[in-house]
Amino acid sequence: MYLSEYSHASGAHCGSASLRNLATYYGWGLNESLCFGLGSGLGFGYYDRGPASRVIMGRNGRLETEFFETLGIDYREVSGQAWETAWNDVRARIADETPVVLFVDLFYLDYFETNTHFGPHVLLCVGTDDDEVLLSDSEFDSVQRLPTARLRGAWSSEYGFAPLDNRWLVVADPTVENDLATASKRAIRRAAEHMLSPADGQWKSEGVDGIRRFAADLPTWTALEDASWCARFAYQNIERRGTGGGAFRRLYADFLDQVAPDVGLGEELPDRLHDIADEWTELSGTLKDASEAEGRRQERLLEQAGDEAMALADREERFFVELEKVS
């Protein structure tokens, strides 16, 4: 079984690219940056559980569901099912020509050839073939095949920012209820709230306060057994690993560029966020250097990274206060 009308394309970020591919399939006319922004995708979390002792993430953990809620698209989200039940449900959706969003752990995706656990990685199931599953993964230029047994491990992994728990999501009705301007204003307001007054979540610390906590902690990372890996992973989560660069800020700045005329933003705020993205890229370089250093040089670089991150927290607070006023 394969979705004959589905068209795969790679992208910058797994979640927003998967949403973009859904948008193409259902004819919503949205590019990846718009999908990211409409999901209020920007965020920040500082976490003490995961592939490293300290982990940062620059996106909102509810990007996919907030996208559908903001646009008024009816969807169904399920988690916690036994493997057989979940897999039978997914196969039934595929038979009904419905792509299925899956949340998985990279470690089990053989085509990645990685020994690092990382989840949730978001992709689309677009077919099944004997003992294989066909996956539309934004990191690759073509649909990937994976043994169904490996999907079982990836889909139920305990590794990640939360247990993956066989979570899946489908569009129940592709009708879009809210126009782009209305949805964009709502999404911008939510993004500002995520950064300025985040609800209690799974992170050690979130939003602008999370950036400050991260900045203050950076010099203390030298006491961690995996200090170099923490710095390396932080660099990757800012500039690589499907962020679009600049800790997801470039993707969001591109979204603001596109919707600015419809929501009354002007050019200044999007331009400021592009500059902030550049500063995150500079911070990632400092962290990369720290990951490759030892002793006193690593200490100095982590102290420098802390100063850079604290300056970013101050700048982002000013930015999101102004963005919130506009929205």
C-alpha atoms as a PDB file:
ATOM      1  CA  MET A   1       0.000   0.000   0.000  1.00  0.00           C
ATOM      2  CA  TYR A   2       1.375   3.405  -0.982  1.00  0.00           C
ATOM      3  CA  LEU A   3      -0.169   6.872  -1.226  1.00  0.00           C
ATOM      4  CA  SER A   4      -0.132   7.254  -4.997  1.00  0.00           C
ATOM      5  CA  GLU A   5      -0.845  11.011  -4.920  1.00  0.00           C
ATOM      6  CA  TYR A   6       1.732  11.853  -2.242  1.00  0.00           C
ATOM      7  CA  SER A   7       4.744  13.980  -3.239  1.00  0.00           C
ATOM      8  CA  HIS A   8       7.818  13.848  -0.998  1.00  0.00           C
ATOM      9  CA  ALA A   9      10.207  16.772  -0.523  1.00  0.00           C
ATOM     10  CA  SER A  10      13.051  17.348   1.923  1.00  0.00           C
ATOM     11  CA  GLY A  11      13.202  20.407   4.159  1.00  0.00           C
ATOM     12  CA  ALA A  12      14.941  22.339   6.915  1.00  0.00           C
ATOM     13  CA  HIS A  13      13.182  20.884   9.966  1.00  0.00           C
ATOM     14  CA  CYS A  14      11.452  17.539  10.433  1.00  0.00           C
ATOM     15  CA  GLY A  15       8.233  18.892  11.966  1.00  0.00           C
ATOM     16  CA  SER A  16       7.659  21.878   9.697  1.00  0.00           C
ATOM     17  CA  ALA A  17       8.762  19.993   6.563  1.00  0.00           C
ATOM     18  CA  SER A  18       6.338  17.175   7.375  1.00  0.00           C
ATOM     19  CA  LEU A  19       3.575  19.762   7.779  1.00  0.00           C
ATOM     20  CA  ARG A  20       4.618  21.351   4.471  1.00  0.00           C
ATOM     21  CA  ASN A  21       4.364  17.952   2.766  1.00  0.00           C
ATOM     22  CA  LEU A  22       0.897  17.526   4.254  1.00  0.00           C
ATOM     23  CA  ALA A  23       0.028  21.015   3.013  1.00  0.00           C
ATOM     24  CA  THR A  24       1.097  19.988  -0.501  1.00  0.00           C
ATOM     25  CA  TYR A  25      -0.913  16.767  -0.290  1.00  0.00           C
ATOM     26  CA  TYR A  26      -4.072  18.540   0.845  1.00  0.00           C
ATOM     27  CA  GLY A  27      -3.621  21.636  -1.313  1.00  0.00           C
ATOM     28  CA  TRP A  28      -3.287  24.195   1.495  1.00  0.00           C
ATOM     29  CA  GLY A  29      -0.658  26.222  -0.383  1.00  0.00           C
ATOM     30  CA  LEU A  30       1.780  26.686   2.522  1.00  0.00           C
ATOM     31  CA  ASN A  31       5.570  26.574   2.400  1.00  0.00           C
ATOM     32  CA  GLU A  32       7.741  25.291   5.246  1.00  0.00           C
ATOM     33  CA  SER A  33       8.397  28.642   6.938  1.00  0.00           C
ATOM     34  CA  LEU A  34       4.662  29.367   7.016  1.00  0.00           C
ATOM     35  CA  CYS A  35       3.979  25.945   8.510  1.00  0.00           C
ATOM     36  CA  PHE A  36       6.617  26.533  11.176  1.00  0.00           C
ATOM     37  CA  GLY A  37       5.267  29.964  12.063  1.00  0.00           C
ATOM     38  CA  LEU A  38       1.607  28.923  12.027  1.00  0.00           C
ATOM     39  CA  GLY A  39       2.532  26.196  14.516  1.00  0.00           C
ATOM     40  CA  SER A  40       4.033  28.875  16.794  1.00  0.00           C
ATOM     41  CA  GLY A  41       7.145  26.823  16.272  1.00  0.00           C
ATOM     42  CA  LEU A  42       9.668  29.097  17.948  1.00  0.00           C
ATOM     43  CA  GLY A  43      10.558  28.423  21.564  1.00  0.00           C
ATOM     44  CA  PHE A  44      13.370  27.519  23.912  1.00  0.00           C
ATOM     45  CA  GLY A  45      13.857  24.744  26.414  1.00  0.00           C
ATOM     46  CA  TYR A  46      16.746  23.814  28.687  1.00  0.00           C
ATOM     47  CA  TYR A  47      16.623  20.180  29.718  1.00  0.00           C
ATOM     48  CA  ASP A  48      18.644  17.867  31.960  1.00  0.00           C
ATOM     49  CA  ARG A  49      17.608  14.573  30.367  1.00  0.00           C
ATOM     50  CA  GLY A  50      18.388  13.226  26.933  1.00  0.00           C
ATOM     51  CA  PRO A  51      21.378  12.311  24.761  1.00  0.00           C
ATOM     52  CA  ALA A  52      23.560  14.599  26.910  1.00  0.00           C
ATOM     53  CA  SER A  53      23.448  15.677  30.545  1.00  0.00           C
ATOM     54  CA  ARG A  54      22.282  19.138  29.427  1.00  0.00           C
ATOM     55  CA  VAL A  55      20.202  19.691  26.298  1.00  0.00           C
ATOM     56  CA  ILE A  56      18.731  22.791  24.676  1.00  0.00           C
ATOM     57  CA  MET A  57      16.006  23.005  22.041  1.00  0.00           C
ATOM     58  CA  GLY A  58      14.938  26.093  20.105  1.00  0.00           C
ATOM     59  CA  ARG A  59      11.415  25.056  19.102  1.00  0.00           C
ATOM     60  CA  ASN A  60       8.058  24.733  20.756  1.00  0.00           C
ATOM     61  CA  GLY A  61       7.210  21.120  21.620  1.00  0.00           C
ATOM     62  CA  ARG A  62       3.629  21.495  20.348  1.00  0.00           C
ATOM     63  CA  LEU A  63       4.458  22.770  16.863  1.00  0.00           C
ATOM     64  CA  GLU A  64       2.498  20.083  15.021  1.00  0.00           C
ATOM     65  CA  THR A  65      -0.726  20.244  17.027  1.00  0.00           C
ATOM     66  CA  GLU A  66      -0.699  24.047  17.311  1.00  0.00           C
ATOM     67  CA  PHE A  67      -0.442  24.250  13.524  1.00  0.00           C
ATOM     68  CA  PHE A  68      -3.747  22.423  13.107  1.00  0.00           C
ATOM     69  CA  GLU A  69      -5.434  24.260  15.972  1.00  0.00           C
ATOM     70  CA  THR A  70      -4.369  27.672  14.679  1.00  0.00           C
ATOM     71  CA  LEU A  71      -5.678  27.018  11.175  1.00  0.00           C
ATOM     72  CA  GLY A  72      -8.822  25.312  12.454  1.00  0.00           C
ATOM     73  CA  ILE A  73      -8.038  21.980  10.760  1.00  0.00           C
ATOM     74  CA  ASP A  74      -9.683  18.950  12.362  1.00  0.00           C
ATOM     75  CA  TYR A  75      -7.102  16.337  13.370  1.00  0.00           C
ATOM     76  CA  ARG A  76      -6.825  13.214  15.498  1.00  0.00           C
ATOM     77  CA  GLU A  77      -3.858  12.532  17.790  1.00  0.00           C
ATOM     78  CA  VAL A  78      -3.348   9.183  19.536  1.00  0.00           C
ATOM     79  CA  SER A  79      -0.666   7.815  21.872  1.00  0.00           C
ATOM     80  CA  GLY A  80      -0.317   5.017  24.405  1.00  0.00           C
ATOM     81  CA  GLN A  81      -1.717   2.218  22.258  1.00  0.00           C
ATOM     82  CA  ALA A  82      -0.193  -1.239  22.156  1.00  0.00           C
ATOM     83  CA  TRP A  83       1.993  -1.814  19.095  1.00  0.00           C
ATOM     84  CA  GLU A  84      -0.487  -4.058  17.284  1.00  0.00           C
ATOM     85  CA  THR A  85      -3.386  -1.648  17.781  1.00  0.00           C
ATOM     86  CA  ALA A  86      -1.372   1.410  16.760  1.00  0.00           C
ATOM     87  CA  TRP A  87       0.105  -0.292  13.711  1.00  0.00           C
ATOM     88  CA  ASN A  88      -3.261  -1.594  12.537  1.00  0.00           C
ATOM     89  CA  ASP A  89      -4.697   1.922  12.891  1.00  0.00           C
ATOM     90  CA  VAL A  90      -1.855   3.387  10.829  1.00  0.00           C
ATOM     91  CA  ARG A  91      -2.251   0.767   8.102  1.00  0.00           C
ATOM     92  CA  ALA A  92      -5.965   1.489   7.955  1.00  0.00           C
ATOM     93  CA  ARG A  93      -5.212   5.204   7.430  1.00  0.00           C
ATOM     94  CA  ILE A  94      -2.750   4.395   4.652  1.00  0.00           C
ATOM     95  CA  ALA A  95      -5.354   2.188   2.975  1.00  0.00           C
ATOM     96  CA  ASP A  96      -7.686   5.183   3.174  1.00  0.00           C
ATOM     97  CA  GLU A  97      -5.085   7.374   1.374  1.00  0.00           C
ATOM     98  CA  THR A  98      -4.275   9.331   4.555  1.00  0.00           C
ATOM     99  CA  PRO A  99      -0.636  10.173   5.439  1.00  0.00           C
ATOM    100  CA  VAL A 100       0.183   9.520   9.110  1.00  0.00           C
ATOM    101  CA  VAL A 101       2.500  11.692  11.207  1.00  0.00           C
ATOM    102  CA  LEU A 102       4.770   9.539  13.404  1.00  0.00           C
ATOM    103  CA  PHE A 103       7.030  10.622  16.293  1.00  0.00           C
ATOM    104  CA  VAL A 104      10.130   8.403  16.488  1.00  0.00           C
ATOM    105  CA  ASP A 105      13.682   7.939  17.782  1.00  0.00           C
ATOM    106  CA  LEU A 106      16.432   8.438  15.177  1.00  0.00           C
ATOM    107  CA  PHE A 107      18.536   5.632  16.661  1.00  0.00           C
ATOM    108  CA  TYR A 108      16.311   2.947  15.135  1.00  0.00           C
ATOM    109  CA  LEU A 109      16.106   4.505  11.664  1.00  0.00           C
ATOM    110  CA  ASP A 110      18.781   2.448   9.930  1.00  0.00           C
ATOM    111  CA  TYR A 111      19.082   4.843   6.998  1.00  0.00           C
ATOM    112  CA  PHE A 112      20.398   7.546   9.377  1.00  0.00           C
ATOM    113  CA  GLU A 113      23.339   5.366  10.442  1.00  0.00           C
ATOM    114  CA  THR A 114      23.516   7.031  13.861  1.00  0.00           C
ATOM    115  CA  ASN A 115      24.313   5.645  17.300  1.00  0.00           C
ATOM    116  CA  THR A 116      22.686   8.606  19.075  1.00  0.00           C
ATOM    117  CA  HIS A 117      19.186   8.382  20.506  1.00  0.00           C
ATOM    118  CA  PHE A 118      17.137  11.442  19.601  1.00  0.00           C
ATOM    119  CA  GLY A 119      13.392  11.910  19.698  1.00  0.00           C
ATOM    120  CA  PRO A 120      10.871  12.893  18.820  1.00  0.00           C
ATOM    121  CA  HIS A 121      11.904  13.013  15.185  1.00  0.00           C
ATOM    122  CA  VAL A 122       8.820  13.763  13.089  1.00  0.00           C
ATOM    123  CA  LEU A 123       8.089  12.089   9.760  1.00  0.00           C
ATOM    124  CA  LEU A 124       5.203  10.776   7.668  1.00  0.00           C
ATOM    125  CA  CYS A 125       4.262   7.172   7.061  1.00  0.00           C
ATOM    126  CA  VAL A 126       3.160   7.024   3.423  1.00  0.00           C
ATOM    127  CA  GLY A 127       3.055   3.297   2.711  1.00  0.00           C
ATOM    128  CA  THR A 128       3.673  -0.283   3.771  1.00  0.00           C
ATOM    129  CA  ASP A 129       5.174  -3.071   1.698  1.00  0.00           C
ATOM    130  CA  ASP A 130       5.414  -6.635   3.053  1.00  0.00           C
ATOM    131  CA  ASP A 131       7.734  -6.302   6.078  1.00  0.00           C
ATOM    132  CA  GLU A 132       8.771  -2.730   5.334  1.00  0.00           C
ATOM    133  CA  VAL A 133       7.335   0.700   5.940  1.00  0.00           C
ATOM    134  CA  LEU A 134       7.749   3.688   3.615  1.00  0.00           C
ATOM    135  CA  LEU A 135       8.695   6.916   5.384  1.00  0.00           C
ATOM    136  CA  SER A 136       8.701  10.486   4.125  1.00  0.00           C
ATOM    137  CA  ASP A 137      11.618  11.883   6.131  1.00  0.00           C
ATOM    138  CA  SER A 138      12.565  15.528   5.579  1.00  0.00           C
ATOM    139  CA  GLU A 139      16.284  14.794   5.953  1.00  0.00           C
ATOM    140  CA  PHE A 140      16.357  12.833   2.684  1.00  0.00           C
ATOM    141  CA  ASP A 141      15.555  13.577  -0.953  1.00  0.00           C
ATOM    142  CA  SER A 142      13.517  10.423  -1.469  1.00  0.00           C
ATOM    143  CA  VAL A 143      11.112   8.228   0.482  1.00  0.00           C
ATOM    144  CA  GLN A 144      12.990   5.823   2.767  1.00  0.00           C
ATOM    145  CA  ARG A 145      12.276   2.161   3.460  1.00  0.00           C
ATOM    146  CA  LEU A 146      12.607   0.703   6.956  1.00  0.00           C
ATOM    147  CA  PRO A 147      11.909  -2.791   8.320  1.00  0.00           C
ATOM    148  CA  THR A 148       8.650  -2.686  10.245  1.00  0.00           C
ATOM    149  CA  ALA A 149      10.414  -4.298  13.231  1.00  0.00           C
ATOM    150  CA  ARG A 150      12.781  -1.316  13.407  1.00  0.00           C
ATOM    151  CA  LEU A 151       9.864   1.108  13.274  1.00  0.00           C
ATOM    152  CA  ARG A 152       8.444  -0.675  16.294  1.00  0.00           C
ATOM    153  CA  GLY A 153      11.565   0.192  18.282  1.00  0.00           C
ATOM    154  CA  ALA A 154      11.719   3.761  16.976  1.00  0.00           C
ATOM    155  CA  TRP A 155       8.057   4.431  17.723  1.00  0.00           C
ATOM    156  CA  SER A 156       8.029   3.133  21.282  1.00  0.00           C
ATOM    157  CA  SER A 157      11.469   4.301  22.432  1.00  0.00           C
ATOM    158  CA  GLU A 158      11.894   5.612  25.970  1.00  0.00           C
ATOM    159  CA  TYR A 159      14.606   7.976  24.759  1.00  0.00           C
ATOM    160  CA  GLY A 160      13.760  11.557  23.973  1.00  0.00           C
ATOM    161  CA  PHE A 161      12.262  14.554  25.712  1.00  0.00           C
ATOM    162  CA  ALA A 162       9.390  12.251  26.721  1.00  0.00           C
ATOM    163  CA  PRO A 163       8.531   8.592  25.982  1.00  0.00           C
ATOM    164  CA  LEU A 164       7.371   8.357  22.373  1.00  0.00           C
ATOM    165  CA  ASP A 165       4.564   5.963  23.273  1.00  0.00           C
ATOM    166  CA  ASN A 166       3.488   4.980  19.711  1.00  0.00           C
ATOM    167  CA  ARG A 167       2.214   8.506  19.110  1.00  0.00           C
ATOM    168  CA  TRP A 168       0.595   9.273  15.749  1.00  0.00           C
ATOM    169  CA  LEU A 169      -1.474  12.031  14.201  1.00  0.00           C
ATOM    170  CA  VAL A 170      -3.700  12.337  11.137  1.00  0.00           C
ATOM    171  CA  VAL A 171      -5.826  14.972   9.452  1.00  0.00           C
ATOM    172  CA  ALA A 172      -9.480  14.106  10.083  1.00  0.00           C
ATOM    173  CA  ASP A 173     -10.913  16.808   7.820  1.00  0.00           C
ATOM    174  CA  PRO A 174      -8.606  18.879   5.576  1.00  0.00           C
ATOM    175  CA  THR A 175     -10.925  21.900   5.549  1.00  0.00           C
ATOM    176  CA  VAL A 176      -9.077  25.068   6.672  1.00  0.00           C
ATOM    177  CA  GLU A 177     -11.386  27.207   8.819  1.00  0.00           C
ATOM    178  CA  ASN A 178      -9.160  30.259   9.476  1.00  0.00           C
ATOM    179  CA  ASP A 179      -7.628  32.587   6.887  1.00  0.00           C
ATOM    180  CA  LEU A 180      -3.878  33.212   6.848  1.00  0.00           C
ATOM    181  CA  ALA A 181      -3.987  36.677   8.458  1.00  0.00           C
ATOM    182  CA  THR A 182      -6.212  35.558  11.347  1.00  0.00           C
ATOM    183  CA  ALA A 183      -4.195  32.389  11.905  1.00  0.00           C
ATOM    184  CA  SER A 184      -0.867  34.255  11.725  1.00  0.00           C
ATOM    185  CA  LYS A 185      -1.891  36.794  14.371  1.00  0.00           C
ATOM    186  CA  ARG A 186      -2.996  34.007  16.683  1.00  0.00           C
ATOM    187  CA  ALA A 187       0.199  32.031  16.072  1.00  0.00           C
ATOM    188  CA  ILE A 188       2.423  35.076  16.694  1.00  0.00           C
ATOM    189  CA  ARG A 189       0.641  35.789  19.962  1.00  0.00           C
ATOM    190  CA  ARG A 190       1.165  32.189  21.073  1.00  0.00           C
ATOM    191  CA  ALA A 191       4.868  32.264  20.160  1.00  0.00           C
ATOM    192  CA  ALA A 192       5.364  35.408  22.243  1.00  0.00           C
ATOM    193  CA  GLU A 193       3.558  33.757  25.154  1.00  0.00           C
ATOM    194  CA  HIS A 194       5.765  30.664  24.845  1.00  0.00           C
ATOM    195  CA  MET A 195       8.857  32.836  25.186  1.00  0.00           C
ATOM    196  CA  LEU A 196       7.696  35.357  27.807  1.00  0.00           C
ATOM    197  CA  SER A 197       5.368  33.353  30.054  1.00  0.00           C
ATOM    198  CA  PRO A 198       5.571  29.650  29.203  1.00  0.00           C
ATOM    199  CA  ALA A 199       3.230  27.191  30.891  1.00  0.00           C
ATOM    200  CA  ASP A 200       4.824  24.573  33.131  1.00  0.00           C
ATOM    201  CA  GLY A 201       6.118  21.849  30.858  1.00  0.00           C
ATOM    202  CA  GLN A 202       8.595  19.001  30.618  1.00  0.00           C
ATOM    203  CA  TRP A 203      11.671  21.227  30.449  1.00  0.00           C
ATOM    204  CA  LYS A 204      13.996  22.240  33.248  1.00  0.00           C
ATOM    205  CA  SER A 205      13.356  25.824  32.203  1.00  0.00           C
ATOM    206  CA  GLU A 206      11.644  27.386  29.190  1.00  0.00           C
ATOM    207  CA  GLY A 207      11.333  30.599  27.203  1.00  0.00           C
ATOM    208  CA  VAL A 208      13.511  33.637  27.850  1.00  0.00           C
ATOM    209  CA  ASP A 209      13.969  32.506  31.456  1.00  0.00           C
ATOM    210  CA  GLY A 210      15.236  29.210  30.068  1.00  0.00           C
ATOM    211  CA  ILE A 211      17.853  31.008  27.980  1.00  0.00           C
ATOM    212  CA  ARG A 212      18.989  32.853  31.114  1.00  0.00           C
ATOM    213  CA  ARG A 213      19.172  29.600  33.087  1.00  0.00           C
ATOM    214  CA  PHE A 214      21.168  28.027  30.260  1.00  0.00           C
ATOM    215  CA  ALA A 215      23.487  31.054  30.111  1.00  0.00           C
ATOM    216  CA  ALA A 216      24.105  31.039  33.872  1.00  0.00           C
ATOM    217  CA  ASP A 217      24.789  27.292  33.890  1.00  0.00           C
ATOM    218  CA  LEU A 218      27.196  27.165  30.950  1.00  0.00           C
ATOM    219  CA  PRO A 219      30.374  27.895  32.974  1.00  0.00           C
ATOM    220  CA  THR A 220      29.439  25.063  35.371  1.00  0.00           C
ATOM    221  CA  TRP A 221      29.331  22.470  32.602  1.00  0.00           C
ATOM    222  CA  THR A 222      33.027  21.782  33.136  1.00  0.00           C
ATOM    223  CA  ALA A 223      31.996  19.771  36.207  1.00  0.00           C
ATOM    224  CA  LEU A 224      29.937  17.385  34.061  1.00  0.00           C
ATOM    225  CA  GLU A 225      31.478  14.105  32.943  1.00  0.00           C
ATOM    226  CA  ASP A 226      30.190  14.726  29.416  1.00  0.00           C
ATOM    227  CA  ALA A 227      30.935  18.456  29.258  1.00  0.00           C
ATOM    228  CA  SER A 228      32.378  18.234  25.734  1.00  0.00           C
ATOM    229  CA  TRP A 229      29.379  16.268  24.471  1.00  0.00           C
ATOM    230  CA  CYS A 230      26.970  18.743  26.099  1.00  0.00           C
ATOM    231  CA  ALA A 231      28.694  21.606  24.289  1.00  0.00           C
ATOM    232  CA  ARG A 232      28.788  19.669  21.025  1.00  0.00           C
ATOM    233  CA  PHE A 233      25.123  18.708  21.247  1.00  0.00           C
ATOM    234  CA  ALA A 234      24.125  22.287  22.079  1.00  0.00           C
ATOM    235  CA  TYR A 235      26.031  23.501  19.008  1.00  0.00           C
ATOM    236  CA  GLN A 236      24.228  20.891  16.882  1.00  0.00           C
ATOM    237  CA  ASN A 237      20.821  21.812  18.296  1.00  0.00           C
ATOM    238  CA  ILE A 238      21.412  25.448  17.382  1.00  0.00           C
ATOM    239  CA  GLU A 239      22.919  25.140  13.932  1.00  0.00           C
ATOM    240  CA  ARG A 240      22.375  21.587  12.685  1.00  0.00           C
ATOM    241  CA  ARG A 241      19.907  18.772  13.451  1.00  0.00           C
ATOM    242  CA  GLY A 242      17.144  20.246  11.338  1.00  0.00           C
ATOM    243  CA  THR A 243      16.919  23.699  12.926  1.00  0.00           C
ATOM    244  CA  GLY A 244      17.193  25.733   9.754  1.00  0.00           C
ATOM    245  CA  GLY A 245      20.128  27.503  11.463  1.00  0.00           C
ATOM    246  CA  GLY A 246      20.218  30.032  14.270  1.00  0.00           C
ATOM    247  CA  ALA A 247      18.235  27.901  16.738  1.00  0.00           C
ATOM    248  CA  PHE A 248      15.142  27.889  14.491  1.00  0.00           C
ATOM    249  CA  ARG A 249      15.141  31.716  14.509  1.00  0.00           C
ATOM    250  CA  ARG A 250      15.802  31.887  10.737  1.00  0.00           C
ATOM    251  CA  LEU A 251      12.767  29.757   9.949  1.00  0.00           C
ATOM    252  CA  TYR A 252      10.611  31.973  12.134  1.00  0.00           C
ATOM    253  CA  ALA A 253      12.085  35.189  10.739  1.00  0.00           C
ATOM    254  CA  ASP A 254      11.240  33.944   7.238  1.00  0.00           C
ATOM    255  CA  PHE A 255       7.667  33.363   8.426  1.00  0.00           C
ATOM    256  CA  LEU A 256       7.471  36.918   9.787  1.00  0.00           C
ATOM    257  CA  ASP A 257       8.835  38.267   6.496  1.00  0.00           C
ATOM    258  CA  GLN A 258       5.981  36.607   4.608  1.00  0.00           C
ATOM    259  CA  VAL A 259       3.092  37.565   6.904  1.00  0.00           C
ATOM    260  CA  ALA A 260       4.290  41.026   7.969  1.00  0.00           C
ATOM    261  CA  PRO A 261       2.055  42.942   5.508  1.00  0.00           C
ATOM    262  CA  ASP A 262      -1.042  40.979   6.591  1.00  0.00           C
ATOM    263  CA  VAL A 263      -0.527  41.441  10.336  1.00  0.00           C
ATOM    264  CA  GLY A 264       0.927  44.953  10.428  1.00  0.00           C
ATOM    265  CA  LEU A 265       4.460  44.105  11.519  1.00  0.00           C
ATOM    266  CA  GLY A 266       6.471  46.248   9.152  1.00  0.00           C
ATOM    267  CA  GLU A 267      10.053  45.259   8.304  1.00  0.00           C
ATOM    268  CA  GLU A 268      11.879  46.103  11.534  1.00  0.00           C
ATOM    269  CA  LEU A 269      10.853  43.135  13.710  1.00  0.00           C
ATOM    270  CA  PRO A 270      11.574  40.437  11.101  1.00  0.00           C
ATOM    271  CA  ASP A 271      14.942  42.077  10.406  1.00  0.00           C
ATOM    272  CA  ARG A 272      15.747  42.082  14.112  1.00  0.00           C
ATOM    273  CA  LEU A 273      15.004  38.383  14.368  1.00  0.00           C
ATOM    274  CA  HIS A 274      17.278  37.650  11.410  1.00  0.00           C
ATOM    275  CA  ASP A 275      20.035  39.446  13.359  1.00  0.00           C
ATOM    276  CA  ILE A 276      19.208  37.439  16.490  1.00  0.00           C
ATOM    277  CA  ALA A 277      19.473  34.247  14.421  1.00  0.00           C
ATOM    278  CA  ASP A 278      22.954  35.320  13.336  1.00  0.00           C
ATOM    279  CA  GLU A 279      23.930  35.786  16.987  1.00  0.00           C
ATOM    280  CA  TRP A 280      22.698  32.264  17.806  1.00  0.00           C
ATOM    281  CA  THR A 281      24.899  30.991  14.989  1.00  0.00           C
ATOM    282  CA  GLU A 282      27.857  32.817  16.519  1.00  0.00           C
ATOM    283  CA  LEU A 283      27.073  31.241  19.903  1.00  0.00           C
ATOM    284  CA  SER A 284      26.965  27.811  18.264  1.00  0.00           C
ATOM    285  CA  GLY A 285      30.494  28.391  16.985  1.00  0.00           C
ATOM    286  CA  THR A 286      31.716  29.174  20.501  1.00  0.00           C
ATOM    287  CA  LEU A 287      30.072  25.993  21.789  1.00  0.00           C
ATOM    288  CA  LYS A 288      31.607  23.942  18.983  1.00  0.00           C
ATOM    289  CA  ASP A 289      35.047  25.311  19.896  1.00  0.00           C
ATOM    290  CA  ALA A 290      34.390  24.507  23.566  1.00  0.00           C
ATOM    291  CA  SER A 291      33.475  20.935  22.651  1.00  0.00           C
ATOM    292  CA  GLU A 292      36.905  20.504  21.053  1.00  0.00           C
ATOM    293  CA  ALA A 293      38.874  22.198  23.853  1.00  0.00           C
ATOM    294  CA  GLU A 294      40.172  20.984  27.201  1.00  0.00           C
ATOM    295  CA  GLY A 295      41.114  22.407  30.567  1.00  0.00           C
ATOM    296  CA  ARG A 296      41.288  26.157  31.059  1.00  0.00           C
ATOM    297  CA  ARG A 297      40.591  26.874  27.365  1.00  0.00           C
ATOM    298  CA  GLN A 298      37.285  25.009  27.600  1.00  0.00           C
ATOM    299  CA  GLU A 299      36.433  26.908  30.791  1.00  0.00           C
ATOM    300  CA  ARG A 300      37.067  30.252  29.079  1.00  0.00           C
ATOM    301  CA  LEU A 301      34.997  29.286  26.047  1.00  0.00           C
ATOM    302  CA  LEU A 302      32.060  28.153  28.179  1.00  0.00           C
ATOM    303  CA  GLU A 303      32.254  31.410  30.122  1.00  0.00           C
ATOM    304  CA  GLN A 304      32.236  33.300  26.809  1.00  0.00           C
ATOM    305  CA  ALA A 305      29.267  31.208  25.635  1.00  0.00           C
ATOM    306  CA  GLY A 306      27.445  32.075  28.851  1.00  0.00           C
ATOM    307  CA  ASP A 307      27.960  35.802  28.236  1.00  0.00           C
ATOM    308  CA  GLU A 308      26.761  35.444  24.635  1.00  0.00           C
ATOM    309  CA  ALA A 309      23.670  33.485  25.688  1.00  0.00           C
ATOM    310  CA  MET A 310      22.812  36.024  28.406  1.00  0.00           C
ATOM    311  CA  ALA A 311      23.001  38.848  25.872  1.00  0.00           C
ATOM    312  CA  LEU A 312      20.708  36.848  23.592  1.00  0.00           C
ATOM    313  CA  ALA A 313      18.199  36.386  26.425  1.00  0.00           C
ATOM    314  CA  ASP A 314      18.047  40.162  26.950  1.00  0.00           C
ATOM    315  CA  ARG A 315      17.677  40.826  23.245  1.00  0.00           C
ATOM    316  CA  GLU A 316      14.990  38.162  22.792  1.00  0.00           C
ATOM    317  CA  GLU A 317      13.008  39.492  25.748  1.00  0.00           C
ATOM    318  CA  ARG A 318      12.886  42.955  24.174  1.00  0.00           C
ATOM    319  CA  PHE A 319      11.979  41.450  20.820  1.00  0.00           C
ATOM    320  CA  PHE A 320       9.106  39.301  22.090  1.00  0.00           C
ATOM    321  CA  VAL A 321       7.687  42.062  24.271  1.00  0.00           C
ATOM    322  CA  GLU A 322       7.365  44.195  21.127  1.00  0.00           C
ATOM    323  CA  LEU A 323       6.072  41.279  19.056  1.00  0.00           C
ATOM    324  CA  GLU A 324       3.401  40.571  21.659  1.00  0.00           C
ATOM    325  CA  LYS A 325       2.230  44.204  21.540  1.00  0.00           C
ATOM    326  CA  VAL A 326       1.839  44.045  17.761  1.00  0.00           C
ATOM    327  CA  SER A 327      -0.078  40.771  17.853  1.00  0.00           C
END
